[in-house]
Amino acid sequence: MNRLFSILALLIVATLIVNCKSGSSSDDFTLTPPRDSKEVYTENAKQIEDYLKNNYMVERNGVITFDSITSPNHTNEQALIDNPNLRSITVSNEDYAAFSVTDPYDRSKIIYKYGKSADTVKYKIYYLIINEGAGEKSSPVDSIFVKRINYSLKNERVISDNHPSSGGFYSFPHTIAELRGLVPSPLRMNTGERQMLQLIKTSTEAGINPDGTMNYDVSTAGRIIAFIPSGLGQFNIGYSSLKAYAPYIADLTLISAFERDHDRDSILSKHEVDPNKIGQTLTIHDYFSLDTDKNGVPNFLDEDDDGDAVPTKIELMYKEENGRVRYYKYDAPQLKTCGETPRYLDINCRPYMVDGEWVYPTK
């Protein structure tokens, strides 16, 4: 990791640790000085391959566990490396860290900018798809409800408040409201696990019980087992039975996905991307790379996409004949007030007030 991202990450982690320890969390975090990510991955790759050669998977009534081929419980089960369903994929580190700065246009306000991980390692992740799922693929910027069980390579379950046994609500990145502390923040999932969830689908039947847990059709929920290098996981932060720099196993069941509007500008985050890419399979980098006003804040996290000091939400607004306020869809032709570019993306199409109403220049 580069120096900037490392410093930001350490500050964020330190905050998380303080917050967790001040509450009722059972997690016991151990922060270790950062090492070179390529060096760590070289070690992890060998550890994972050795594990696959010397361990097997047991599935009974939907419960998956792992054991060594030298265990007295082992009979004729094949080693994981010989499982015909074992696949691999090569991915990059897709982490970003948020940091607060003073708004240059209003020094009484705080805005958030983002630092991208400079980790250039190409990581190989082995995985087994247990169930592809029958619902929908989630977007990288959706919030998701996931049943998440992690194991160390010693086959010890990782016990953590961040892995609720009944499943939990995960989101990345935090919404503006969450960063400002206006609403509770959801759980955080490591980048390697988030990327593996792109390979499966949600359940077709899911609902929320009165106690906040999810009720879902197990037979239609996507489930994947992934062997995660630490560079895409906890890296230098050990907790529970998972040591710093140790690879681990993730057993992930994707129950449901929820579309988000991260900056509350009335445009779903999944649509705040290069228009030519909408409908394609995207990564989180595609969303962070669209920054119309070049202020270091991607559009899906920017309350004023074109930087004209008029919030995007206002530029989408219109009134019906009865005076009721409505908002145009992000690609509505009515937004092309000044030209072919929608007015909320055109700094030269700035509205002005006349008798308390917003008026736009015309073509």
Protein backbone atom coordinates (compact mmCIF):
# COMPACT_ATOMS: atom_id res chain seq x y z
CA MET A 1 0.00 0.00 0.00
CA ASN A 2 1.22 3.53 -0.65
CA ARG A 3 1.97 5.92 2.19
CA LEU A 4 -1.19 8.04 1.81
CA PHE A 5 -3.57 5.09 1.78
CA SER A 6 -1.70 3.40 4.64
CA ILE A 7 -1.98 6.47 6.86
CA LEU A 8 -5.68 6.91 6.03
CA ALA A 9 -6.39 3.25 6.62
CA LEU A 10 -4.59 3.25 9.97
CA LEU A 11 -6.55 6.28 11.13
CA ILE A 12 -9.85 4.70 10.11
CA VAL A 13 -8.96 1.35 11.69
CA ALA A 14 -7.88 3.06 14.91
CA THR A 15 -11.27 4.82 15.04
CA LEU A 16 -13.08 1.55 14.42
CA ILE A 17 -11.11 -0.18 17.17
CA VAL A 18 -11.86 2.56 19.69
CA ASN A 19 -15.55 2.52 18.77
CA CYS A 20 -15.75 -1.26 19.04
CA LYS A 21 -13.97 -1.43 22.38
CA SER A 22 -16.10 1.34 23.85
CA GLY A 23 -19.27 -0.65 23.12
CA SER A 24 -20.27 -4.24 23.67
CA SER A 25 -18.16 -5.75 20.91
CA SER A 26 -16.44 -9.06 21.65
CA ASP A 27 -13.76 -8.43 18.98
CA ASP A 28 -10.16 -8.15 20.16
CA PHE A 29 -8.24 -6.30 17.44
CA THR A 30 -4.46 -6.47 17.08
CA LEU A 31 -2.93 -3.83 14.83
CA THR A 32 0.43 -4.87 13.30
CA PRO A 33 2.77 -2.56 11.33
CA PRO A 34 2.07 -2.79 7.56
CA ARG A 35 4.29 -5.04 5.44
CA ASP A 36 4.85 -5.11 1.69
CA SER A 37 1.64 -6.48 0.14
CA LYS A 38 3.42 -8.40 -2.65
CA GLU A 39 5.64 -10.16 -0.12
CA VAL A 40 2.63 -11.06 2.02
CA TYR A 41 0.69 -12.34 -1.00
CA THR A 42 3.56 -14.62 -2.04
CA GLU A 43 3.39 -16.21 1.42
CA ASN A 44 -0.42 -16.38 1.37
CA ALA A 45 -0.57 -18.01 -2.08
CA LYS A 46 1.58 -20.91 -0.87
CA GLN A 47 -0.37 -21.20 2.39
CA ILE A 48 -3.67 -21.41 0.53
CA GLU A 49 -2.42 -23.99 -1.97
CA ASP A 50 -0.96 -26.12 0.83
CA TYR A 51 -4.29 -25.88 2.64
CA LEU A 52 -6.25 -27.00 -0.45
CA LYS A 53 -3.97 -30.04 -0.82
CA ASN A 54 -4.29 -31.09 2.82
CA ASN A 55 -7.91 -30.38 3.76
CA TYR A 56 -11.38 -31.42 2.68
CA MET A 57 -14.90 -30.01 2.96
CA VAL A 58 -17.84 -31.63 4.71
CA GLU A 59 -21.44 -30.58 3.99
CA ARG A 60 -24.26 -31.93 6.17
CA ASN A 61 -27.77 -30.52 6.01
CA GLY A 62 -26.51 -27.22 4.65
CA VAL A 63 -23.77 -26.84 7.28
CA ILE A 64 -20.26 -26.70 5.79
CA THR A 65 -17.13 -27.44 7.81
CA PHE A 66 -13.51 -28.23 6.96
CA ASP A 67 -11.05 -30.78 8.28
CA SER A 68 -7.54 -32.11 7.63
CA ILE A 69 -6.99 -35.23 5.52
CA THR A 70 -4.86 -36.48 8.43
CA SER A 71 -7.82 -36.26 10.81
CA PRO A 72 -9.19 -39.56 12.19
CA ASN A 73 -12.56 -38.40 10.83
CA HIS A 74 -11.26 -38.49 7.26
CA THR A 75 -12.43 -41.46 5.19
CA ASN A 76 -12.47 -41.19 1.42
CA GLU A 77 -13.31 -37.49 1.00
CA GLN A 78 -11.25 -35.81 -1.70
CA ALA A 79 -8.87 -32.97 -0.90
CA LEU A 80 -10.18 -29.54 -1.84
CA ILE A 81 -7.57 -29.18 -4.59
CA ASP A 82 -9.11 -32.23 -6.31
CA ASN A 83 -12.69 -30.96 -6.13
CA PRO A 84 -13.87 -30.67 -9.77
CA ASN A 85 -15.90 -27.57 -8.85
CA LEU A 86 -12.89 -25.65 -7.55
CA ARG A 87 -12.28 -22.54 -9.66
CA SER A 88 -10.07 -19.46 -9.42
CA ILE A 89 -10.30 -15.82 -10.41
CA THR A 90 -7.70 -13.04 -10.49
CA VAL A 91 -8.75 -9.74 -8.92
CA SER A 92 -7.26 -6.47 -7.69
CA ASN A 93 -7.61 -4.58 -4.43
CA GLU A 94 -10.78 -2.46 -4.74
CA ASP A 95 -10.58 -0.66 -1.42
CA TYR A 96 -11.04 3.09 -0.93
CA ALA A 97 -10.67 5.06 2.31
CA ALA A 98 -12.77 8.13 3.13
CA PHE A 99 -11.25 11.17 4.83
CA SER A 100 -12.85 14.46 5.80
CA VAL A 101 -11.77 17.93 4.63
CA THR A 102 -13.21 21.41 5.00
CA ASP A 103 -15.47 22.45 2.15
CA PRO A 104 -13.49 25.14 0.24
CA TYR A 105 -16.74 26.98 -0.63
CA ASP A 106 -18.23 26.87 2.86
CA ARG A 107 -15.70 26.48 5.65
CA SER A 108 -18.45 25.66 8.14
CA LYS A 109 -19.05 22.36 6.32
CA ILE A 110 -17.13 19.11 6.06
CA ILE A 111 -16.93 17.09 2.84
CA TYR A 112 -15.43 13.66 2.24
CA LYS A 113 -12.78 12.69 -0.26
CA TYR A 114 -11.44 9.25 -1.05
CA GLY A 115 -8.05 7.60 -1.27
CA LYS A 116 -7.68 4.56 -3.51
CA SER A 117 -5.46 1.70 -2.43
CA ALA A 118 -2.21 1.74 -4.41
CA ASP A 119 -1.83 -2.01 -3.91
CA THR A 120 -0.99 -3.27 -7.43
CA VAL A 121 -0.85 -6.98 -6.61
CA LYS A 122 -2.98 -9.28 -8.77
CA TYR A 123 -4.57 -11.72 -6.34
CA LYS A 124 -5.69 -15.24 -7.19
CA ILE A 125 -8.76 -16.36 -5.27
CA TYR A 126 -9.84 -20.00 -5.28
CA TYR A 127 -13.56 -20.57 -4.82
CA LEU A 128 -16.39 -23.13 -4.84
CA ILE A 129 -19.91 -22.11 -5.84
CA ILE A 130 -22.30 -24.11 -3.67
CA ASN A 131 -25.41 -22.45 -5.11
CA GLU A 132 -25.45 -19.87 -7.92
CA GLY A 133 -28.69 -18.34 -6.60
CA ALA A 134 -31.93 -17.74 -8.44
CA GLY A 135 -32.46 -14.03 -7.82
CA GLU A 136 -30.54 -11.01 -9.11
CA LYS A 137 -26.87 -10.05 -9.26
CA SER A 138 -26.01 -7.21 -6.87
CA SER A 139 -24.28 -4.01 -7.97
CA PRO A 140 -20.89 -3.14 -6.38
CA VAL A 141 -22.60 -0.11 -4.77
CA ASP A 142 -25.66 -1.96 -3.46
CA SER A 143 -26.05 -2.71 0.21
CA ILE A 144 -26.41 -6.43 0.83
CA PHE A 145 -27.72 -8.78 3.47
CA VAL A 146 -25.26 -11.65 3.80
CA LYS A 147 -24.80 -14.65 6.04
CA ARG A 148 -21.05 -14.62 6.53
CA ILE A 149 -18.99 -17.33 8.24
CA ASN A 150 -15.19 -17.13 8.24
CA TYR A 151 -12.59 -19.75 9.18
CA SER A 152 -8.86 -19.58 9.70
CA LEU A 153 -6.68 -22.07 7.79
CA LYS A 154 -6.53 -24.00 11.08
CA ASN A 155 -10.25 -24.67 10.52
CA GLU A 156 -11.17 -22.49 13.49
CA ARG A 157 -14.29 -20.39 13.14
CA VAL A 158 -13.67 -16.64 13.37
CA ILE A 159 -16.02 -15.25 16.03
CA SER A 160 -16.80 -11.58 15.52
CA ASP A 161 -19.59 -9.06 16.03
CA ASN A 162 -18.98 -8.24 12.35
CA HIS A 163 -20.16 -11.77 11.41
CA PRO A 164 -23.64 -12.15 12.96
CA SER A 165 -24.66 -15.83 12.91
CA SER A 166 -28.07 -15.00 11.42
CA GLY A 167 -26.62 -12.67 8.78
CA GLY A 168 -25.94 -8.97 8.63
CA PHE A 169 -26.44 -5.81 6.59
CA TYR A 170 -23.22 -4.76 4.79
CA SER A 171 -22.49 -1.67 2.74
CA PHE A 172 -19.56 -0.14 0.88
CA PRO A 173 -18.77 2.65 0.75
CA HIS A 174 -20.60 4.39 3.56
CA THR A 175 -23.31 6.81 2.48
CA ILE A 176 -22.87 10.52 3.21
CA ALA A 177 -25.46 10.27 5.99
CA GLU A 178 -23.57 7.35 7.56
CA LEU A 179 -20.24 9.19 7.40
CA ARG A 180 -21.82 12.20 9.09
CA GLY A 181 -23.28 10.02 11.83
CA LEU A 182 -26.87 10.91 10.92
CA VAL A 183 -27.87 7.25 10.63
CA PRO A 184 -26.28 4.05 11.97
CA SER A 185 -23.49 2.57 9.87
CA PRO A 186 -23.91 -0.96 8.51
CA LEU A 187 -21.29 -3.69 8.89
CA ARG A 188 -18.13 -3.64 6.77
CA MET A 189 -17.02 -6.48 4.53
CA ASN A 190 -13.52 -6.99 3.14
CA THR A 191 -12.89 -6.22 -0.53
CA GLY A 192 -12.10 -9.83 -1.46
CA GLU A 193 -15.43 -11.06 -0.12
CA ARG A 194 -17.38 -8.23 -1.77
CA GLN A 195 -15.88 -9.13 -5.14
CA MET A 196 -16.69 -12.83 -4.78
CA LEU A 197 -20.34 -12.01 -4.16
CA GLN A 198 -20.48 -10.68 -7.73
CA LEU A 199 -20.33 -14.33 -8.87
CA ILE A 200 -23.63 -15.35 -7.24
CA LYS A 201 -27.23 -14.10 -7.02
CA THR A 202 -29.67 -13.21 -4.27
CA SER A 203 -32.53 -15.33 -2.99
CA THR A 204 -35.86 -14.99 -4.82
CA GLU A 205 -37.83 -14.93 -1.55
CA ALA A 206 -36.56 -12.73 1.26
CA GLY A 207 -38.28 -10.68 3.93
CA ILE A 208 -37.53 -9.00 7.24
CA ASN A 209 -38.78 -10.61 10.46
CA PRO A 210 -40.09 -8.49 13.38
CA ASP A 211 -36.77 -8.98 15.20
CA GLY A 212 -34.81 -7.55 12.26
CA THR A 213 -33.48 -10.89 10.98
CA MET A 214 -34.05 -12.01 7.40
CA ASN A 215 -36.42 -14.77 6.36
CA TYR A 216 -35.38 -16.27 3.03
CA ASP A 217 -35.59 -19.33 0.79
CA VAL A 218 -32.29 -21.14 1.38
CA SER A 219 -32.64 -23.14 -1.84
CA THR A 220 -32.60 -19.98 -4.00
CA ALA A 221 -29.90 -17.97 -2.17
CA GLY A 222 -26.45 -17.82 -3.77
CA ARG A 223 -23.67 -19.36 -1.70
CA ILE A 224 -19.93 -19.37 -2.31
CA ILE A 225 -16.83 -20.60 -0.47
CA ALA A 226 -13.75 -18.45 -1.12
CA PHE A 227 -10.13 -18.71 0.03
CA ILE A 228 -9.09 -15.11 0.63
CA PRO A 229 -5.49 -13.76 0.72
CA SER A 230 -5.06 -11.32 3.60
CA GLY A 231 -4.28 -8.44 1.21
CA LEU A 232 -7.95 -8.57 0.22
CA GLY A 233 -9.05 -9.17 3.79
CA GLN A 234 -7.93 -8.07 7.23
CA PHE A 235 -4.24 -7.60 6.14
CA ASN A 236 -2.42 -6.25 9.23
CA ILE A 237 -5.39 -6.31 11.63
CA GLY A 238 -5.73 -9.57 13.54
CA TYR A 239 -8.86 -10.41 15.50
CA SER A 240 -10.49 -13.48 17.07
CA SER A 241 -8.73 -16.59 15.70
CA LEU A 242 -7.64 -14.74 12.54
CA LYS A 243 -4.06 -13.46 12.73
CA ALA A 244 -2.66 -10.47 10.89
CA TYR A 245 -1.41 -11.39 7.39
CA ALA A 246 -3.16 -14.78 7.53
CA PRO A 247 -5.34 -15.96 4.62
CA TYR A 248 -8.77 -17.26 5.53
CA ILE A 249 -11.90 -19.02 4.29
CA ALA A 250 -15.15 -17.15 3.67
CA ASP A 251 -18.49 -18.96 3.51
CA LEU A 252 -20.89 -16.38 2.05
CA THR A 253 -24.64 -16.62 1.42
CA LEU A 254 -26.12 -13.67 -0.51
CA ILE A 255 -29.67 -13.22 0.74
CA SER A 256 -30.77 -9.83 -0.55
CA ALA A 257 -29.51 -6.63 -2.19
CA PHE A 258 -30.74 -3.06 -1.70
CA GLU A 259 -30.17 -0.22 -4.15
CA ARG A 260 -28.73 2.90 -2.52
CA ASP A 261 -28.56 6.63 -3.15
CA HIS A 262 -25.28 7.32 -1.35
CA ASP A 263 -25.35 11.11 -1.66
CA ARG A 264 -29.16 11.50 -1.38
CA ASP A 265 -29.38 13.45 -4.64
CA SER A 266 -32.36 11.40 -5.95
CA ILE A 267 -30.20 9.42 -8.40
CA LEU A 268 -29.60 5.77 -7.53
CA SER A 269 -25.87 5.19 -7.08
CA LYS A 270 -25.87 2.43 -9.71
CA HIS A 271 -26.74 5.08 -12.34
CA GLU A 272 -23.95 7.51 -11.37
CA VAL A 273 -21.42 6.02 -13.73
CA ASP A 274 -20.21 6.74 -17.28
CA PRO A 275 -23.47 6.52 -19.31
CA ASN A 276 -21.72 4.30 -21.85
CA LYS A 277 -21.15 1.70 -19.11
CA ILE A 278 -24.70 1.48 -17.73
CA GLY A 279 -25.97 -2.06 -18.22
CA GLN A 280 -22.47 -3.56 -18.29
CA THR A 281 -20.79 -5.61 -15.57
CA LEU A 282 -19.01 -2.99 -13.48
CA THR A 283 -16.46 -2.83 -10.67
CA ILE A 284 -16.32 -0.34 -7.81
CA HIS A 285 -13.57 1.46 -9.77
CA ASP A 286 -16.12 2.36 -12.48
CA TYR A 287 -18.17 4.25 -9.91
CA PHE A 288 -15.23 6.01 -8.28
CA SER A 289 -13.81 7.04 -11.68
CA LEU A 290 -16.76 9.28 -12.65
CA ASP A 291 -16.01 12.68 -11.11
CA THR A 292 -17.57 15.34 -13.35
CA ASP A 293 -16.23 18.41 -11.50
CA LYS A 294 -12.81 16.81 -10.74
CA ASN A 295 -13.02 17.70 -7.05
CA GLY A 296 -11.83 14.32 -5.80
CA VAL A 297 -15.36 13.14 -4.93
CA PRO A 298 -17.02 10.65 -7.31
CA ASN A 299 -20.48 11.60 -8.58
CA PHE A 300 -22.28 8.90 -6.59
CA LEU A 301 -20.90 10.45 -3.37
CA ASP A 302 -21.03 14.11 -4.48
CA GLU A 303 -24.07 16.21 -3.60
CA ASP A 304 -23.15 18.69 -6.37
CA ASP A 305 -21.97 16.66 -9.37
CA ASP A 306 -20.99 19.54 -11.67
CA GLY A 307 -19.57 21.84 -8.98
CA ASP A 308 -21.78 24.83 -9.80
CA ALA A 309 -22.76 25.33 -6.11
CA VAL A 310 -26.32 24.17 -6.86
CA PRO A 311 -27.00 20.70 -5.40
CA THR A 312 -27.76 18.00 -7.94
CA LYS A 313 -31.08 17.31 -6.21
CA ILE A 314 -32.25 20.86 -6.90
CA GLU A 315 -31.26 20.56 -10.56
CA LEU A 316 -33.41 17.43 -10.87
CA MET A 317 -36.39 19.10 -9.24
CA TYR A 318 -39.60 20.24 -10.93
CA LYS A 319 -43.12 21.09 -9.81
CA GLU A 320 -46.38 19.61 -10.97
CA GLU A 321 -49.35 21.87 -11.73
CA ASN A 322 -50.64 21.34 -8.20
CA GLY A 323 -47.31 22.57 -6.81
CA ARG A 324 -46.09 19.15 -5.70
CA VAL A 325 -42.29 18.77 -5.95
CA ARG A 326 -41.02 15.90 -8.09
CA TYR A 327 -37.62 14.82 -9.42
CA TYR A 328 -36.70 13.91 -12.98
CA LYS A 329 -35.06 10.56 -13.67
CA TYR A 330 -31.30 10.92 -14.16
CA ASP A 331 -31.57 10.58 -17.97
CA ALA A 332 -34.84 12.45 -18.55
CA PRO A 333 -34.80 14.57 -21.76
CA GLN A 334 -36.21 17.52 -19.77
CA LEU A 335 -32.79 17.83 -18.09
CA LYS A 336 -31.11 18.79 -21.37
CA THR A 337 -31.97 22.43 -20.79
CA CYS A 338 -28.76 23.98 -22.10
CA GLY A 339 -27.56 21.32 -24.54
CA GLU A 340 -27.05 17.58 -24.86
CA THR A 341 -25.47 17.31 -21.41
CA PRO A 342 -27.97 17.01 -18.54
CA ARG A 343 -27.97 20.27 -16.58
CA TYR A 344 -26.85 18.63 -13.31
CA LEU A 345 -23.61 17.61 -15.09
CA ASP A 346 -23.04 20.97 -16.84
CA ILE A 347 -21.33 23.68 -14.78
CA ASN A 348 -22.28 26.24 -17.44
CA CYS A 349 -25.97 25.46 -17.02
CA ARG A 350 -26.33 27.06 -13.61
CA PRO A 351 -29.86 28.07 -12.58
CA TYR A 352 -30.80 31.38 -10.96
CA MET A 353 -33.71 32.41 -8.78
CA VAL A 354 -36.68 34.44 -10.05
CA ASP A 355 -39.54 35.10 -7.60
CA GLY A 356 -38.46 32.15 -5.50
CA GLU A 357 -38.30 29.71 -8.41
CA TRP A 358 -35.28 28.20 -10.13
CA VAL A 359 -34.87 29.29 -13.77
CA TYR A 360 -32.42 27.72 -16.20
CA PRO A 361 -30.66 29.18 -19.23
CA THR A 362 -32.00 27.83 -22.53
CA LYS A 363 -30.21 26.44 -25.58
